[in-house]
C-alpha atoms as a PDB file:
ATOM      1  CA  MET A   1     -32.473  41.855  58.075  1.00  0.00           C
ATOM      2  CA  ALA A   2     -30.955  43.888  61.153  1.00  0.00           C
ATOM      3  CA  MET A   3     -33.918  46.316  60.916  1.00  0.00           C
ATOM      4  CA  THR A   4     -36.515  43.358  60.910  1.00  0.00           C
ATOM      5  CA  LEU A   5     -34.943  41.811  63.979  1.00  0.00           C
ATOM      6  CA  LEU A   6     -35.020  45.126  65.686  1.00  0.00           C
ATOM      7  CA  CYS A   7     -38.685  45.655  64.812  1.00  0.00           C
ATOM      8  CA  LEU A   8     -39.486  41.984  66.123  1.00  0.00           C
ATOM      9  CA  PHE A   9     -37.500  42.733  69.329  1.00  0.00           C
ATOM     10  CA  LEU A  10     -39.518  45.768  70.016  1.00  0.00           C
ATOM     11  CA  LEU A  11     -42.746  44.109  69.363  1.00  0.00           C
ATOM     12  CA  MET A  12     -41.794  41.328  71.760  1.00  0.00           C
ATOM     13  CA  LYS A  13     -40.167  43.449  74.520  1.00  0.00           C
ATOM     14  CA  CYS A  14     -42.323  46.850  74.351  1.00  0.00           C
ATOM     15  CA  LEU A  15     -45.705  46.169  73.560  1.00  0.00           C
ATOM     16  CA  PHE A  16     -48.058  48.029  75.747  1.00  0.00           C
ATOM     17  CA  ILE A  17     -51.074  46.122  76.295  1.00  0.00           C
ATOM     18  CA  ALA A  18     -53.623  47.785  78.520  1.00  0.00           C
ATOM     19  CA  VAL A  19     -57.533  48.540  78.862  1.00  0.00           C
ATOM     20  CA  LEU A  20     -58.172  52.114  78.061  1.00  0.00           C
ATOM     21  CA  TRP A  21     -61.614  54.080  78.603  1.00  0.00           C
ATOM     22  CA  LEU A  22     -61.987  57.664  77.605  1.00  0.00           C
ATOM     23  CA  GLU A  23     -64.621  60.159  78.134  1.00  0.00           C
ATOM     24  CA  ALA A  24     -63.704  63.630  76.783  1.00  0.00           C
ATOM     25  CA  PRO A  25     -65.214  66.480  74.960  1.00  0.00           C
ATOM     26  CA  ARG A  26     -62.277  66.700  72.725  1.00  0.00           C
ATOM     27  CA  ALA A  27     -62.232  62.987  71.865  1.00  0.00           C
ATOM     28  CA  PRO A  28     -59.551  61.575  69.841  1.00  0.00           C
ATOM     29  CA  PHE A  29     -60.178  59.951  66.422  1.00  0.00           C
ATOM     30  CA  TRP A  30     -60.426  56.431  67.750  1.00  0.00           C
ATOM     31  CA  LEU A  31     -62.708  57.005  70.726  1.00  0.00           C
ATOM     32  CA  GLY A  32     -65.765  55.347  68.625  1.00  0.00           C
ATOM     33  CA  THR A  33     -63.621  52.347  67.858  1.00  0.00           C
ATOM     34  CA  SER A  34     -63.511  49.105  70.162  1.00  0.00           C
ATOM     35  CA  ARG A  35     -59.641  49.393  70.815  1.00  0.00           C
ATOM     36  CA  LEU A  36     -56.660  51.332  70.286  1.00  0.00           C
ATOM     37  CA  VAL A  37     -53.531  49.335  69.848  1.00  0.00           C
ATOM     38  CA  LEU A  38     -50.181  50.866  70.769  1.00  0.00           C
ATOM     39  CA  MET A  39     -46.503  50.156  70.817  1.00  0.00           C
ATOM     40  CA  SER A  40     -44.144  51.626  73.117  1.00  0.00           C
ATOM     41  CA  PRO A  41     -40.769  51.379  71.515  1.00  0.00           C
ATOM     42  CA  VAL A  42     -37.209  52.245  72.928  1.00  0.00           C
ATOM     43  CA  PHE A  43     -35.491  54.461  70.550  1.00  0.00           C
ATOM     44  CA  ILE A  44     -32.102  53.875  72.202  1.00  0.00           C
ATOM     45  CA  SER A  45     -29.254  54.684  69.744  1.00  0.00           C
ATOM     46  CA  LEU A  46     -31.742  55.296  66.740  1.00  0.00           C
ATOM     47  CA  THR A  47     -31.325  58.281  64.557  1.00  0.00           C
ATOM     48  CA  TYR A  48     -34.520  60.277  64.102  1.00  0.00           C
ATOM     49  CA  GLU A  49     -34.802  58.737  60.481  1.00  0.00           C
ATOM     50  CA  GLN A  50     -34.463  55.164  61.859  1.00  0.00           C
ATOM     51  CA  ALA A  51     -37.232  56.004  64.518  1.00  0.00           C
ATOM     52  CA  VAL A  52     -39.634  57.214  61.765  1.00  0.00           C
ATOM     53  CA  ASP A  53     -38.737  54.018  59.669  1.00  0.00           C
ATOM     54  CA  THR A  54     -39.364  51.837  62.663  1.00  0.00           C
ATOM     55  CA  ALA A  55     -42.496  53.551  63.529  1.00  0.00           C
ATOM     56  CA  VAL A  56     -43.822  53.038  59.805  1.00  0.00           C
ATOM     57  CA  ARG A  57     -42.926  49.375  59.935  1.00  0.00           C
ATOM     58  CA  VAL A  58     -44.660  48.877  63.336  1.00  0.00           C
ATOM     59  CA  LEU A  59     -47.885  50.363  61.885  1.00  0.00           C
ATOM     60  CA  LYS A  60     -47.652  48.506  58.578  1.00  0.00           C
ATOM     61  CA  GLU A  61     -46.386  45.169  59.894  1.00  0.00           C
ATOM     62  CA  GLY A  62     -47.530  45.080  63.244  1.00  0.00           C
ATOM     63  CA  GLY A  63     -50.921  46.380  62.894  1.00  0.00           C
ATOM     64  CA  MET A  64     -50.508  48.929  65.297  1.00  0.00           C
ATOM     65  CA  ASP A  65     -52.930  52.117  65.455  1.00  0.00           C
ATOM     66  CA  ALA A  66     -50.269  54.621  66.980  1.00  0.00           C
ATOM     67  CA  ILE A  67     -46.938  54.897  68.879  1.00  0.00           C
ATOM     68  CA  LYS A  68     -46.708  55.575  72.554  1.00  0.00           C
ATOM     69  CA  LEU A  69     -43.377  57.274  73.222  1.00  0.00           C
ATOM     70  CA  GLU A  70     -41.995  57.629  76.818  1.00  0.00           C
ATOM     71  CA  GLY A  71     -40.229  60.661  78.331  1.00  0.00           C
ATOM     72  CA  GLY A  72     -39.801  64.134  77.699  1.00  0.00           C
ATOM     73  CA  ALA A  73     -36.124  64.773  77.013  1.00  0.00           C
ATOM     74  CA  PRO A  74     -35.339  67.062  73.844  1.00  0.00           C
ATOM     75  CA  SER A  75     -34.445  64.118  71.876  1.00  0.00           C
ATOM     76  CA  ARG A  76     -37.813  62.376  72.506  1.00  0.00           C
ATOM     77  CA  ILE A  77     -39.596  65.565  71.845  1.00  0.00           C
ATOM     78  CA  THR A  78     -38.011  65.685  68.515  1.00  0.00           C
ATOM     79  CA  ALA A  79     -38.583  62.077  67.626  1.00  0.00           C
ATOM     80  CA  ALA A  80     -42.240  62.535  68.688  1.00  0.00           C
ATOM     81  CA  LYS A  81     -42.285  65.634  66.302  1.00  0.00           C
ATOM     82  CA  ALA A  82     -40.601  63.740  63.496  1.00  0.00           C
ATOM     83  CA  ILE A  83     -42.926  60.657  63.685  1.00  0.00           C
ATOM     84  CA  VAL A  84     -46.136  62.920  63.727  1.00  0.00           C
ATOM     85  CA  GLU A  85     -44.834  64.570  60.764  1.00  0.00           C
ATOM     86  CA  ALA A  86     -44.593  61.514  59.036  1.00  0.00           C
ATOM     87  CA  GLY A  87     -48.254  60.901  59.184  1.00  0.00           C
ATOM     88  CA  ILE A  88     -48.206  58.613  62.486  1.00  0.00           C
ATOM     89  CA  ALA A  89     -50.384  59.206  65.520  1.00  0.00           C
ATOM     90  CA  VAL A  90     -48.206  59.542  68.836  1.00  0.00           C
ATOM     91  CA  ILE A  91     -49.190  59.534  72.375  1.00  0.00           C
ATOM     92  CA  GLY A  92     -46.839  61.031  74.724  1.00  0.00           C
ATOM     93  CA  HIS A  93     -45.829  59.428  78.252  1.00  0.00           C
ATOM     94  CA  VAL A  94     -44.682  61.663  81.295  1.00  0.00           C
ATOM     95  CA  GLY A  95     -44.263  61.181  84.791  1.00  0.00           C
ATOM     96  CA  LEU A  96     -43.117  57.761  85.836  1.00  0.00           C
ATOM     97  CA  THR A  97     -41.594  56.419  82.614  1.00  0.00           C
ATOM     98  CA  PRO A  98     -40.727  52.547  83.047  1.00  0.00           C
ATOM     99  CA  GLN A  99     -38.277  52.492  80.291  1.00  0.00           C
ATOM    100  CA  ALA A 100     -36.250  54.679  82.216  1.00  0.00           C
ATOM    101  CA  ILE A 101     -36.481  53.395  85.691  1.00  0.00           C
ATOM    102  CA  SER A 102     -32.613  53.313  85.872  1.00  0.00           C
ATOM    103  CA  VAL A 103     -32.540  56.928  85.559  1.00  0.00           C
ATOM    104  CA  LEU A 104     -35.113  57.553  88.007  1.00  0.00           C
ATOM    105  CA  GLY A 105     -33.762  55.352  90.492  1.00  0.00           C
ATOM    106  CA  GLY A 106     -36.667  52.652  90.384  1.00  0.00           C
ATOM    107  CA  PHE A 107     -40.392  52.677  90.154  1.00  0.00           C
ATOM    108  CA  ARG A 108     -40.695  55.967  91.944  1.00  0.00           C
ATOM    109  CA  PRO A 109     -43.536  58.409  91.487  1.00  0.00           C
ATOM    110  CA  GLN A 110     -42.716  61.829  89.977  1.00  0.00           C
ATOM    111  CA  GLY A 111     -44.129  65.277  90.612  1.00  0.00           C
ATOM    112  CA  ARG A 112     -43.879  65.101  94.293  1.00  0.00           C
ATOM    113  CA  ASN A 113     -41.948  68.507  94.748  1.00  0.00           C
ATOM    114  CA  VAL A 114     -42.066  71.714  92.797  1.00  0.00           C
ATOM    115  CA  ALA A 115     -39.477  71.080  90.283  1.00  0.00           C
ATOM    116  CA  SER A 116     -40.622  67.701  89.523  1.00  0.00           C
ATOM    117  CA  ALA A 117     -44.353  68.849  89.426  1.00  0.00           C
ATOM    118  CA  VAL A 118     -43.427  71.811  87.068  1.00  0.00           C
ATOM    119  CA  LYS A 119     -41.465  69.473  84.938  1.00  0.00           C
ATOM    120  CA  VAL A 120     -44.392  66.939  84.259  1.00  0.00           C
ATOM    121  CA  VAL A 121     -46.536  69.989  83.124  1.00  0.00           C
ATOM    122  CA  GLU A 122     -44.022  71.570  81.037  1.00  0.00           C
ATOM    123  CA  THR A 123     -43.249  68.122  79.208  1.00  0.00           C
ATOM    124  CA  ALA A 124     -46.848  67.473  78.654  1.00  0.00           C
ATOM    125  CA  LEU A 125     -47.173  70.750  77.032  1.00  0.00           C
ATOM    126  CA  ALA A 126     -43.981  70.198  74.923  1.00  0.00           C
ATOM    127  CA  LEU A 127     -45.433  66.871  73.872  1.00  0.00           C
ATOM    128  CA  GLN A 128     -48.706  68.537  72.813  1.00  0.00           C
ATOM    129  CA  GLU A 129     -46.571  71.002  70.916  1.00  0.00           C
ATOM    130  CA  ALA A 130     -44.830  68.336  69.118  1.00  0.00           C
ATOM    131  CA  GLY A 131     -48.128  66.984  67.784  1.00  0.00           C
ATOM    132  CA  CYS A 132     -48.923  64.150  70.191  1.00  0.00           C
ATOM    133  CA  PHE A 133     -52.714  63.514  70.351  1.00  0.00           C
ATOM    134  CA  SER A 134     -52.617  62.476  74.092  1.00  0.00           C
ATOM    135  CA  VAL A 135     -50.578  62.351  76.893  1.00  0.00           C
ATOM    136  CA  VAL A 136     -50.255  59.303  79.592  1.00  0.00           C
ATOM    137  CA  LEU A 137     -49.514  60.791  83.215  1.00  0.00           C
ATOM    138  CA  GLU A 138     -48.146  57.851  85.410  1.00  0.00           C
ATOM    139  CA  CYS A 139     -47.731  57.762  88.883  1.00  0.00           C
ATOM    140  CA  VAL A 140     -47.806  61.508  89.696  1.00  0.00           C
ATOM    141  CA  PRO A 141     -49.997  63.401  92.570  1.00  0.00           C
ATOM    142  CA  ALA A 142     -53.772  63.919  91.556  1.00  0.00           C
ATOM    143  CA  ALA A 143     -53.102  67.731  91.862  1.00  0.00           C
ATOM    144  CA  VAL A 144     -50.263  67.604  89.384  1.00  0.00           C
ATOM    145  CA  ALA A 145     -52.232  65.594  86.882  1.00  0.00           C
ATOM    146  CA  ALA A 146     -55.298  67.891  87.262  1.00  0.00           C
ATOM    147  CA  ALA A 147     -52.935  70.865  86.656  1.00  0.00           C
ATOM    148  CA  ALA A 148     -51.488  69.081  83.585  1.00  0.00           C
ATOM    149  CA  THR A 149     -55.012  68.170  82.354  1.00  0.00           C
ATOM    150  CA  ALA A 150     -56.142  71.908  82.549  1.00  0.00           C
ATOM    151  CA  ALA A 151     -53.073  73.180  80.816  1.00  0.00           C
ATOM    152  CA  LEU A 152     -53.384  70.858  77.932  1.00  0.00           C
ATOM    153  CA  GLN A 153     -55.613  70.857  74.911  1.00  0.00           C
ATOM    154  CA  ILE A 154     -55.338  67.291  74.300  1.00  0.00           C
ATOM    155  CA  PRO A 155     -56.754  64.396  76.562  1.00  0.00           C
ATOM    156  CA  THR A 156     -54.638  63.064  79.414  1.00  0.00           C
ATOM    157  CA  ILE A 157     -54.877  59.413  80.278  1.00  0.00           C
ATOM    158  CA  GLY A 158     -54.079  58.661  84.024  1.00  0.00           C
ATOM    159  CA  ILE A 159     -52.273  55.629  85.462  1.00  0.00           C
ATOM    160  CA  GLY A 160     -51.660  55.997  89.228  1.00  0.00           C
ATOM    161  CA  ALA A 161     -52.531  59.773  88.638  1.00  0.00           C
ATOM    162  CA  GLY A 162     -55.903  60.228  90.348  1.00  0.00           C
ATOM    163  CA  PRO A 163     -59.319  60.708  88.926  1.00  0.00           C
ATOM    164  CA  HIS A 164     -59.048  64.034  87.279  1.00  0.00           C
ATOM    165  CA  CYS A 165     -57.473  63.002  83.934  1.00  0.00           C
ATOM    166  CA  SER A 166     -59.556  62.669  80.826  1.00  0.00           C
ATOM    167  CA  GLY A 167     -59.318  59.002  80.934  1.00  0.00           C
ATOM    168  CA  GLN A 168     -58.060  56.049  82.908  1.00  0.00           C
ATOM    169  CA  VAL A 169     -55.423  52.902  81.755  1.00  0.00           C
ATOM    170  CA  LEU A 170     -54.475  49.958  83.706  1.00  0.00           C
ATOM    171  CA  VAL A 171     -52.201  47.066  82.509  1.00  0.00           C
ATOM    172  CA  TYR A 172     -54.812  44.364  82.383  1.00  0.00           C
ATOM    173  CA  HIS A 173     -52.413  41.600  83.885  1.00  0.00           C
ATOM    174  CA  ASP A 174     -52.470  43.978  86.935  1.00  0.00           C
ATOM    175  CA  LEU A 175     -56.119  44.890  86.949  1.00  0.00           C
ATOM    176  CA  LEU A 176     -57.110  41.234  86.606  1.00  0.00           C
ATOM    177  CA  GLY A 177     -54.650  40.148  89.286  1.00  0.00           C
ATOM    178  CA  MET A 178     -52.769  37.634  86.829  1.00  0.00           C
ATOM    179  CA  LEU A 179     -49.742  36.038  88.008  1.00  0.00           C
ATOM    180  CA  GLN A 180     -48.763  34.406  84.585  1.00  0.00           C
ATOM    181  CA  HIS A 181     -48.287  36.063  81.438  1.00  0.00           C
ATOM    182  CA  PRO A 182     -51.334  35.231  79.032  1.00  0.00           C
ATOM    183  CA  HIS A 183     -48.890  34.922  75.888  1.00  0.00           C
ATOM    184  CA  HIS A 184     -47.870  31.547  77.492  1.00  0.00           C
ATOM    185  CA  ALA A 185     -51.184  30.309  76.968  1.00  0.00           C
ATOM    186  CA  LYS A 186     -52.088  31.353  73.512  1.00  0.00           C
ATOM    187  CA  VAL A 187     -52.206  27.926  72.131  1.00  0.00           C
ATOM    188  CA  THR A 188     -53.747  25.101  74.120  1.00  0.00           C
ATOM    189  CA  PRO A 189     -52.769  21.664  72.834  1.00  0.00           C
ATOM    190  CA  LYS A 190     -55.400  18.918  72.060  1.00  0.00           C
ATOM    191  CA  PHE A 191     -54.035  16.862  74.943  1.00  0.00           C
ATOM    192  CA  CYS A 192     -54.311  19.553  77.533  1.00  0.00           C
ATOM    193  CA  LYS A 193     -57.531  19.522  79.923  1.00  0.00           C
ATOM    194  CA  GLN A 194     -58.762  22.936  80.816  1.00  0.00           C
ATOM    195  CA  TYR A 195     -59.832  22.874  84.448  1.00  0.00           C
ATOM    196  CA  ALA A 196     -61.295  26.442  84.449  1.00  0.00           C
ATOM    197  CA  GLN A 197     -62.982  29.040  82.087  1.00  0.00           C
ATOM    198  CA  VAL A 198     -61.868  32.449  83.253  1.00  0.00           C
ATOM    199  CA  GLY A 199     -63.332  34.427  80.268  1.00  0.00           C
ATOM    200  CA  ASP A 200     -66.389  35.322  82.081  1.00  0.00           C
ATOM    201  CA  VAL A 201     -64.616  36.538  85.231  1.00  0.00           C
ATOM    202  CA  ILE A 202     -62.274  38.609  83.119  1.00  0.00           C
ATOM    203  CA  ASN A 203     -65.187  40.096  81.140  1.00  0.00           C
ATOM    204  CA  LYS A 204     -67.013  40.893  84.490  1.00  0.00           C
ATOM    205  CA  ALA A 205     -63.894  42.822  85.909  1.00  0.00           C
ATOM    206  CA  LEU A 206     -63.462  44.631  82.686  1.00  0.00           C
ATOM    207  CA  LEU A 207     -67.006  45.774  82.589  1.00  0.00           C
ATOM    208  CA  GLU A 208     -66.753  46.842  86.272  1.00  0.00           C
ATOM    209  CA  TYR A 209     -63.543  48.753  85.463  1.00  0.00           C
ATOM    210  CA  LYS A 210     -65.393  50.605  82.584  1.00  0.00           C
ATOM    211  CA  GLU A 211     -68.443  51.330  84.810  1.00  0.00           C
ATOM    212  CA  GLU A 212     -66.403  52.755  87.717  1.00  0.00           C
ATOM    213  CA  VAL A 213     -64.256  54.849  85.146  1.00  0.00           C
ATOM    214  CA  THR A 214     -67.317  56.094  83.616  1.00  0.00           C
ATOM    215  CA  ASN A 215     -69.304  57.141  86.738  1.00  0.00           C
ATOM    216  CA  GLY A 216     -66.064  58.484  88.496  1.00  0.00           C
ATOM    217  CA  SER A 217     -66.028  56.231  91.342  1.00  0.00           C
ATOM    218  CA  PHE A 218     -62.616  54.931  90.162  1.00  0.00           C
ATOM    219  CA  PRO A 219     -59.759  56.091  90.912  1.00  0.00           C
ATOM    220  CA  SER A 220     -61.068  57.147  94.278  1.00  0.00           C
ATOM    221  CA  SER A 221     -58.695  58.928  96.773  1.00  0.00           C
ATOM    222  CA  ALA A 222     -57.656  55.345  97.806  1.00  0.00           C
ATOM    223  CA  TYR A 223     -56.075  54.711  94.632  1.00  0.00           C
ATOM    224  CA  SER A 224     -54.633  58.276  94.243  1.00  0.00           C
ATOM    225  CA  PRO A 225     -51.650  57.485  96.627  1.00  0.00           C
ATOM    226  CA  TYR A 226     -49.100  60.234  95.673  1.00  0.00           C
ATOM    227  CA  LYS A 227     -49.168  63.456  97.396  1.00  0.00           C
ATOM    228  CA  ILE A 228     -47.401  66.843  97.283  1.00  0.00           C
ATOM    229  CA  THR A 229     -46.952  68.902 100.331  1.00  0.00           C
ATOM    230  CA  ALA A 230     -49.067  72.073 100.860  1.00  0.00           C
ATOM    231  CA  ASP A 231     -46.010  74.113 100.850  1.00  0.00           C
ATOM    232  CA  ASP A 232     -44.856  72.534  97.502  1.00  0.00           C
ATOM    233  CA  LEU A 233     -48.512  72.871  96.163  1.00  0.00           C
ATOM    234  CA  ASP A 234     -48.306  76.622  96.853  1.00  0.00           C
ATOM    235  CA  ARG A 235     -45.049  76.995  95.245  1.00  0.00           C
ATOM    236  CA  PHE A 236     -46.062  75.090  92.360  1.00  0.00           C
ATOM    237  CA  SER A 237     -49.281  76.815  91.695  1.00  0.00           C
ATOM    238  CA  LYS A 238     -47.415  80.206  91.895  1.00  0.00           C
ATOM    239  CA  GLU A 239     -44.773  78.702  89.267  1.00  0.00           C
ATOM    240  CA  LEU A 240     -47.748  77.835  87.163  1.00  0.00           C
ATOM    241  CA  GLN A 241     -49.236  81.264  87.508  1.00  0.00           C
ATOM    242  CA  LYS A 242     -46.079  82.861  86.458  1.00  0.00           C
ATOM    243  CA  LYS A 243     -45.920  80.791  83.211  1.00  0.00           C
ATOM    244  CA  GLY A 244     -49.509  82.191  82.462  1.00  0.00           C
ATOM    245  CA  LEU A 245     -50.956  78.910  83.265  1.00  0.00           C
ATOM    246  CA  ASN A 246     -53.889  80.166  85.732  1.00  0.00           C
ATOM    247  CA  ASP A 247     -56.247  77.428  84.934  1.00  0.00           C
ATOM    248  CA  ALA A 248     -53.601  74.740  85.585  1.00  0.00           C
ATOM    249  CA  ALA A 249     -52.935  76.416  89.050  1.00  0.00           C
ATOM    250  CA  SER A 250     -56.585  76.668  89.953  1.00  0.00           C
ATOM    251  CA  ALA A 251     -56.986  73.104  89.052  1.00  0.00           C
ATOM    252  CA  ALA A 252     -54.096  71.878  91.071  1.00  0.00           C
ATOM    253  CA  VAL A 253     -55.101  73.897  94.090  1.00  0.00           C
ATOM    254  CA  SER A 254     -58.947  72.677  93.727  1.00  0.00           C
ATOM    255  CA  VAL A 255     -57.969  69.052  93.622  1.00  0.00           C
ATOM    256  CA  ALA A 256     -55.631  69.261  96.765  1.00  0.00           C
ATOM    257  CA  ALA A 257     -58.542  70.912  98.552  1.00  0.00           C
ATOM    258  CA  GLY A 258     -60.730  67.714  97.907  1.00  0.00           C
ATOM    259  CA  LYS A 259     -62.776  69.777  95.113  1.00  0.00           C
ATOM    260  CA  PRO A 260     -63.727  68.388  91.870  1.00  0.00           C
ATOM    261  CA  GLY A 261     -60.849  68.884  89.234  1.00  0.00           C
ATOM    262  CA  THR A 262     -61.216  69.948  85.700  1.00  0.00           C
ATOM    263  CA  THR A 263     -61.224  66.929  83.388  1.00  0.00           C
ATOM    264  CA  GLN A 264     -60.786  67.852  79.721  1.00  0.00           C
END
């Protein structure tokens, strides 16, 4: 009973609903499908066995396709590895991790100094090593996202991370400018008069989003606001080179100079 309530709580509180478009040579297994349904659970105070059990139940009972796991602490890396070894697909999430905003000091971009930028790349690599099939990069400078994308062998999904990721994601409530959660209007009573049909407007907006991501016009520099100073970029590049990540260093420098980045 307790585990059932926990699963229901996680489904209600942590379901990550977003629109995702991905174009990548190393496409994941779900690229040819119409959608990928993820759950982003909070494994607070759970053992790794409980984390795996919860992930299994989420997929079986919640109809999910994969688990999205935020953060790169050793415990999260171990949890990701355990879930993957149980046969469940996991997508990592680094940079700004909304579930840990109290630790980060609020909704603040990451990767804006050398130590933080290197941490983003190293964490993404650790998640790849743990078996994640993709990594979300949230609210980091475009140069840092480009470096991570160049360093990885798996696709990256950017959200507030510039145009040089393998794909892009936005929470559709934000994309559509919705002020009210759509779950409140799942069931319309027979006595309720509908004064507008927003389906066409929503569909048009989603198609425009898809088109702009596909042709590379989104996200433009106007929507890649997070910067890293020239001095920190130089030191970041040197740190990457010390670690043998020359392609990543070149990608970061290239993007910061306004040249096309490397999209995996």
